[in-house]
Amino acid sequence: MFCQRDETGYKLLTEGVRFRSLVHGEKTHLCEFRIAKGVKVPEHSHPHEQTGYLISGRMKLIVGNESFEAGPGDSWCLPGSVPHAVQVLDDSVMVEVFSPLREDYLA
């Protein structure tokens, strides 16, 4: 599976959060997210391991009692089923890999 750069195909996940499924295989799924400044993603969890890379912007990731303020070039990896939240400090663009596949993001 291949994917060329394209400015179309983004879906609204929730207010201020747009995403695009880029490529996926049997075990991994690569997505791009564009998130507006001020968005607060409430604490949630999912069974997928989540590895991310912040391309631009700033955000604060909160996992339990630990927080991480990410800037361009920073990355993270969260185990599956671990509750986490995000506060977006500036308009941000990031890519994330999920494993296993996020079936809910393919629809």
N, C-alpha and C. Protein backbone atom coordinates (compact mmCIF):
# COMPACT_ATOMS: atom_id res chain seq x y z
N MET A 1 0.85 -1.17 0.00
CA MET A 1 0.00 0.00 0.00
C MET A 1 0.90 1.23 0.00
N PHE A 2 0.54 2.21 -0.81
CA PHE A 2 1.30 3.45 -0.91
C PHE A 2 0.35 4.63 -0.72
N CYS A 3 0.90 5.77 -0.33
CA CYS A 3 0.09 6.98 -0.15
C CYS A 3 0.94 8.18 -0.54
N GLN A 4 0.44 8.99 -1.46
CA GLN A 4 1.12 10.22 -1.83
C GLN A 4 0.54 11.39 -1.05
N ARG A 5 1.36 12.41 -0.86
CA ARG A 5 0.91 13.62 -0.16
C ARG A 5 -0.33 14.17 -0.86
N ASP A 6 -1.33 14.54 -0.05
CA ASP A 6 -2.60 15.01 -0.58
C ASP A 6 -3.26 15.86 0.50
N GLU A 7 -3.88 16.93 0.11
CA GLU A 7 -4.55 17.81 1.08
C GLU A 7 -6.03 17.46 1.24
N THR A 8 -6.47 16.37 0.62
CA THR A 8 -7.88 15.97 0.72
C THR A 8 -7.99 14.70 1.55
N GLY A 9 -9.21 14.31 1.83
CA GLY A 9 -9.46 13.04 2.50
C GLY A 9 -9.45 13.10 4.01
N TYR A 10 -9.36 14.32 4.58
CA TYR A 10 -9.38 14.43 6.04
C TYR A 10 -10.81 14.28 6.54
N LYS A 11 -10.95 13.60 7.67
CA LYS A 11 -12.26 13.41 8.30
C LYS A 11 -12.26 14.12 9.64
N LEU A 12 -13.41 14.64 10.02
CA LEU A 12 -13.54 15.28 11.32
C LEU A 12 -13.77 14.20 12.36
N LEU A 13 -12.83 14.08 13.29
CA LEU A 13 -12.94 13.09 14.35
C LEU A 13 -13.78 13.65 15.49
N THR A 14 -13.52 14.90 15.84
CA THR A 14 -14.27 15.66 16.82
C THR A 14 -13.95 17.12 16.56
N GLU A 15 -14.65 18.04 17.19
CA GLU A 15 -14.43 19.46 16.95
C GLU A 15 -12.95 19.82 17.09
N GLY A 16 -12.36 20.37 16.02
CA GLY A 16 -10.97 20.79 16.04
C GLY A 16 -9.96 19.71 15.74
N VAL A 17 -10.42 18.47 15.49
CA VAL A 17 -9.50 17.35 15.22
C VAL A 17 -9.87 16.72 13.88
N ARG A 18 -8.95 16.87 12.91
CA ARG A 18 -9.13 16.22 11.61
C ARG A 18 -8.03 15.18 11.45
N PHE A 19 -8.37 14.08 10.81
CA PHE A 19 -7.36 13.04 10.60
C PHE A 19 -7.53 12.41 9.23
N ARG A 20 -6.46 11.77 8.81
CA ARG A 20 -6.46 11.05 7.55
C ARG A 20 -5.71 9.75 7.75
N SER A 21 -6.34 8.66 7.39
CA SER A 21 -5.68 7.37 7.40
C SER A 21 -4.72 7.35 6.21
N LEU A 22 -3.43 7.11 6.45
CA LEU A 22 -2.45 7.14 5.37
C LEU A 22 -2.25 5.75 4.78
N VAL A 23 -1.60 4.87 5.51
CA VAL A 23 -1.39 3.49 5.05
C VAL A 23 -1.56 2.54 6.22
N HIS A 24 -1.82 1.29 5.90
CA HIS A 24 -1.93 0.28 6.94
C HIS A 24 -1.56 -1.08 6.37
N GLY A 25 -1.20 -1.95 7.28
CA GLY A 25 -0.92 -3.34 6.93
C GLY A 25 -1.78 -4.22 7.81
N GLU A 26 -1.34 -5.42 8.04
CA GLU A 26 -2.09 -6.33 8.91
C GLU A 26 -1.98 -5.94 10.37
N LYS A 27 -0.85 -5.34 10.78
CA LYS A 27 -0.60 -5.09 12.19
C LYS A 27 -0.40 -3.64 12.57
N THR A 28 -0.16 -2.76 11.60
CA THR A 28 0.08 -1.35 11.91
C THR A 28 -0.77 -0.44 11.05
N HIS A 29 -0.99 0.78 11.56
CA HIS A 29 -1.85 1.74 10.89
C HIS A 29 -1.26 3.13 11.09
N LEU A 30 -0.91 3.82 10.01
CA LEU A 30 -0.32 5.15 10.06
C LEU A 30 -1.37 6.20 9.73
N CYS A 31 -1.52 7.20 10.61
CA CYS A 31 -2.51 8.26 10.44
C CYS A 31 -1.86 9.62 10.63
N GLU A 32 -2.41 10.63 9.96
CA GLU A 32 -2.00 12.02 10.17
C GLU A 32 -3.14 12.76 10.85
N PHE A 33 -2.79 13.58 11.84
CA PHE A 33 -3.78 14.36 12.58
C PHE A 33 -3.43 15.84 12.47
N ARG A 34 -4.45 16.67 12.28
CA ARG A 34 -4.32 18.12 12.32
C ARG A 34 -5.27 18.60 13.41
N ILE A 35 -4.70 19.21 14.45
CA ILE A 35 -5.49 19.53 15.63
C ILE A 35 -5.34 21.01 15.95
N ALA A 36 -6.47 21.66 16.21
CA ALA A 36 -6.50 23.10 16.46
C ALA A 36 -6.06 23.44 17.88
N LYS A 37 -5.43 24.58 18.00
CA LYS A 37 -5.03 25.11 19.31
C LYS A 37 -6.24 25.16 20.22
N GLY A 38 -6.05 24.77 21.47
CA GLY A 38 -7.11 24.82 22.47
C GLY A 38 -7.91 23.54 22.62
N VAL A 39 -7.75 22.60 21.70
CA VAL A 39 -8.48 21.34 21.81
C VAL A 39 -7.97 20.57 23.03
N LYS A 40 -8.91 20.01 23.79
CA LYS A 40 -8.57 19.14 24.91
C LYS A 40 -9.21 17.78 24.64
N VAL A 41 -8.37 16.81 24.37
CA VAL A 41 -8.85 15.44 24.16
C VAL A 41 -8.98 14.82 25.55
N PRO A 42 -10.19 14.51 25.97
CA PRO A 42 -10.36 13.99 27.34
C PRO A 42 -9.68 12.63 27.52
N GLU A 43 -9.46 12.28 28.77
CA GLU A 43 -8.83 11.00 29.06
C GLU A 43 -9.63 9.87 28.43
N HIS A 44 -8.91 8.98 27.78
CA HIS A 44 -9.52 7.84 27.10
C HIS A 44 -8.47 6.74 27.00
N SER A 45 -8.90 5.58 26.59
CA SER A 45 -7.96 4.49 26.33
C SER A 45 -8.51 3.64 25.19
N HIS A 46 -7.64 2.89 24.59
CA HIS A 46 -7.99 1.96 23.52
C HIS A 46 -6.96 0.84 23.54
N PRO A 47 -7.27 -0.29 22.96
CA PRO A 47 -6.35 -1.43 23.04
C PRO A 47 -5.09 -1.29 22.19
N HIS A 48 -5.01 -0.23 21.39
CA HIS A 48 -3.91 -0.07 20.44
C HIS A 48 -2.68 0.60 21.06
N GLU A 49 -1.50 0.02 20.83
CA GLU A 49 -0.27 0.74 21.13
C GLU A 49 -0.25 1.94 20.18
N GLN A 50 0.27 3.08 20.66
CA GLN A 50 0.20 4.33 19.90
C GLN A 50 1.57 5.01 19.93
N THR A 51 2.20 5.11 18.77
CA THR A 51 3.50 5.76 18.65
C THR A 51 3.33 6.99 17.79
N GLY A 52 3.76 8.16 18.31
CA GLY A 52 3.53 9.40 17.59
C GLY A 52 4.77 10.24 17.39
N TYR A 53 4.68 11.15 16.41
CA TYR A 53 5.74 12.09 16.08
C TYR A 53 5.08 13.43 15.76
N LEU A 54 5.48 14.48 16.48
CA LEU A 54 4.90 15.81 16.26
C LEU A 54 5.68 16.53 15.18
N ILE A 55 5.00 16.85 14.09
CA ILE A 55 5.63 17.54 12.96
C ILE A 55 5.70 19.04 13.24
N SER A 56 4.58 19.61 13.71
CA SER A 56 4.56 21.05 14.01
C SER A 56 3.57 21.30 15.14
N GLY A 57 3.77 22.42 15.83
CA GLY A 57 2.88 22.80 16.92
C GLY A 57 3.44 22.41 18.27
N ARG A 58 2.56 22.45 19.28
CA ARG A 58 2.93 22.07 20.64
C ARG A 58 1.71 21.44 21.29
N MET A 59 1.95 20.41 22.08
CA MET A 59 0.86 19.77 22.81
C MET A 59 1.39 19.15 24.09
N LYS A 60 0.49 18.97 25.03
CA LYS A 60 0.84 18.35 26.30
C LYS A 60 0.12 17.01 26.37
N LEU A 61 0.89 15.94 26.50
CA LEU A 61 0.32 14.60 26.65
C LEU A 61 0.32 14.26 28.12
N ILE A 62 -0.79 13.72 28.60
CA ILE A 62 -0.93 13.39 30.01
C ILE A 62 -1.25 11.90 30.12
N VAL A 63 -0.38 11.19 30.84
CA VAL A 63 -0.54 9.75 31.05
C VAL A 63 -0.39 9.51 32.55
N GLY A 64 -1.52 9.22 33.20
CA GLY A 64 -1.50 9.05 34.65
C GLY A 64 -1.05 10.33 35.33
N ASN A 65 -0.03 10.24 36.18
CA ASN A 65 0.52 11.40 36.87
C ASN A 65 1.65 12.07 36.10
N GLU A 66 1.95 11.56 34.92
CA GLU A 66 3.06 12.07 34.13
C GLU A 66 2.55 12.92 32.97
N SER A 67 3.22 14.04 32.70
CA SER A 67 2.87 14.85 31.53
C SER A 67 4.13 15.14 30.73
N PHE A 68 3.95 15.35 29.44
CA PHE A 68 5.05 15.58 28.51
C PHE A 68 4.63 16.68 27.56
N GLU A 69 5.36 17.79 27.54
CA GLU A 69 5.07 18.86 26.59
C GLU A 69 5.89 18.62 25.34
N ALA A 70 5.22 18.30 24.26
CA ALA A 70 5.88 17.94 23.00
C ALA A 70 5.94 19.14 22.07
N GLY A 71 7.07 19.27 21.39
CA GLY A 71 7.26 20.28 20.35
C GLY A 71 7.68 19.58 19.07
N PRO A 72 7.87 20.34 18.00
CA PRO A 72 8.24 19.74 16.71
C PRO A 72 9.46 18.83 16.84
N GLY A 73 9.33 17.63 16.32
CA GLY A 73 10.41 16.65 16.35
C GLY A 73 10.36 15.70 17.53
N ASP A 74 9.47 15.96 18.49
CA ASP A 74 9.35 15.07 19.65
C ASP A 74 8.46 13.88 19.31
N SER A 75 8.64 12.80 20.06
CA SER A 75 7.86 11.58 19.80
C SER A 75 7.51 10.90 21.10
N TRP A 76 6.61 9.92 21.02
CA TRP A 76 6.12 9.20 22.19
C TRP A 76 5.63 7.82 21.77
N CYS A 77 5.52 6.95 22.76
CA CYS A 77 4.92 5.63 22.55
C CYS A 77 4.12 5.29 23.80
N LEU A 78 2.85 5.03 23.61
CA LEU A 78 1.94 4.70 24.71
C LEU A 78 1.48 3.25 24.55
N PRO A 79 1.58 2.46 25.61
CA PRO A 79 1.08 1.09 25.53
C PRO A 79 -0.44 1.07 25.34
N GLY A 80 -0.94 -0.01 24.81
CA GLY A 80 -2.38 -0.17 24.66
C GLY A 80 -3.07 -0.21 26.01
N SER A 81 -4.31 0.26 26.04
CA SER A 81 -5.19 0.22 27.21
C SER A 81 -4.76 1.12 28.36
N VAL A 82 -3.82 2.05 28.12
CA VAL A 82 -3.39 2.99 29.14
C VAL A 82 -4.15 4.30 28.96
N PRO A 83 -4.88 4.78 29.99
CA PRO A 83 -5.61 6.04 29.87
C PRO A 83 -4.65 7.21 29.61
N HIS A 84 -5.04 8.09 28.67
CA HIS A 84 -4.23 9.25 28.34
C HIS A 84 -5.13 10.38 27.85
N ALA A 85 -4.60 11.60 27.93
CA ALA A 85 -5.33 12.80 27.50
C ALA A 85 -4.33 13.72 26.80
N VAL A 86 -4.87 14.71 26.06
CA VAL A 86 -4.02 15.65 25.34
C VAL A 86 -4.59 17.04 25.45
N GLN A 87 -3.71 18.02 25.65
CA GLN A 87 -4.07 19.44 25.58
C GLN A 87 -3.24 20.03 24.45
N VAL A 88 -3.90 20.62 23.46
CA VAL A 88 -3.20 21.16 22.30
C VAL A 88 -2.90 22.64 22.55
N LEU A 89 -1.62 22.99 22.58
CA LEU A 89 -1.18 24.33 22.95
C LEU A 89 -1.04 25.26 21.75
N ASP A 90 -0.78 24.72 20.57
CA ASP A 90 -0.71 25.45 19.30
C ASP A 90 -1.29 24.55 18.22
N ASP A 91 -1.76 25.14 17.12
CA ASP A 91 -2.19 24.31 16.00
C ASP A 91 -1.09 23.29 15.74
N SER A 92 -1.46 22.03 15.60
CA SER A 92 -0.47 20.95 15.53
C SER A 92 -0.76 19.97 14.41
N VAL A 93 0.32 19.41 13.89
CA VAL A 93 0.25 18.32 12.91
C VAL A 93 1.13 17.20 13.44
N MET A 94 0.56 15.99 13.49
CA MET A 94 1.33 14.84 13.97
C MET A 94 0.97 13.61 13.16
N VAL A 95 1.87 12.65 13.18
CA VAL A 95 1.58 11.33 12.61
C VAL A 95 1.67 10.33 13.75
N GLU A 96 0.80 9.34 13.68
CA GLU A 96 0.80 8.29 14.70
C GLU A 96 0.63 6.93 14.04
N VAL A 97 1.30 5.96 14.64
CA VAL A 97 1.18 4.57 14.22
C VAL A 97 0.43 3.84 15.33
N PHE A 98 -0.58 3.09 14.94
CA PHE A 98 -1.36 2.29 15.88
C PHE A 98 -1.15 0.81 15.56
N SER A 99 -1.09 0.01 16.61
CA SER A 99 -1.01 -1.44 16.45
C SER A 99 -1.83 -2.07 17.56
N PRO A 100 -2.75 -2.95 17.27
CA PRO A 100 -3.12 -3.39 15.93
C PRO A 100 -3.87 -2.29 15.17
N LEU A 101 -4.30 -2.64 14.00
CA LEU A 101 -5.02 -1.76 13.10
C LEU A 101 -6.21 -1.08 13.78
N ARG A 102 -6.41 0.23 13.51
CA ARG A 102 -7.58 0.95 14.03
C ARG A 102 -8.71 0.80 13.02
N GLU A 103 -9.48 -0.26 13.16
CA GLU A 103 -10.60 -0.50 12.26
C GLU A 103 -11.57 0.67 12.23
N ASP A 104 -11.75 1.34 13.40
CA ASP A 104 -12.69 2.46 13.48
C ASP A 104 -12.21 3.65 12.64
N TYR A 105 -10.94 3.74 12.32
CA TYR A 105 -10.42 4.84 11.51
C TYR A 105 -10.47 4.52 10.02
N LEU A 106 -10.80 3.30 9.66
CA LEU A 106 -10.87 2.93 8.25
C LEU A 106 -12.24 3.21 7.63
N ALA A 107 -13.26 3.27 8.44
CA ALA A 107 -14.64 3.44 7.92
C ALA A 107 -14.82 4.77 7.24
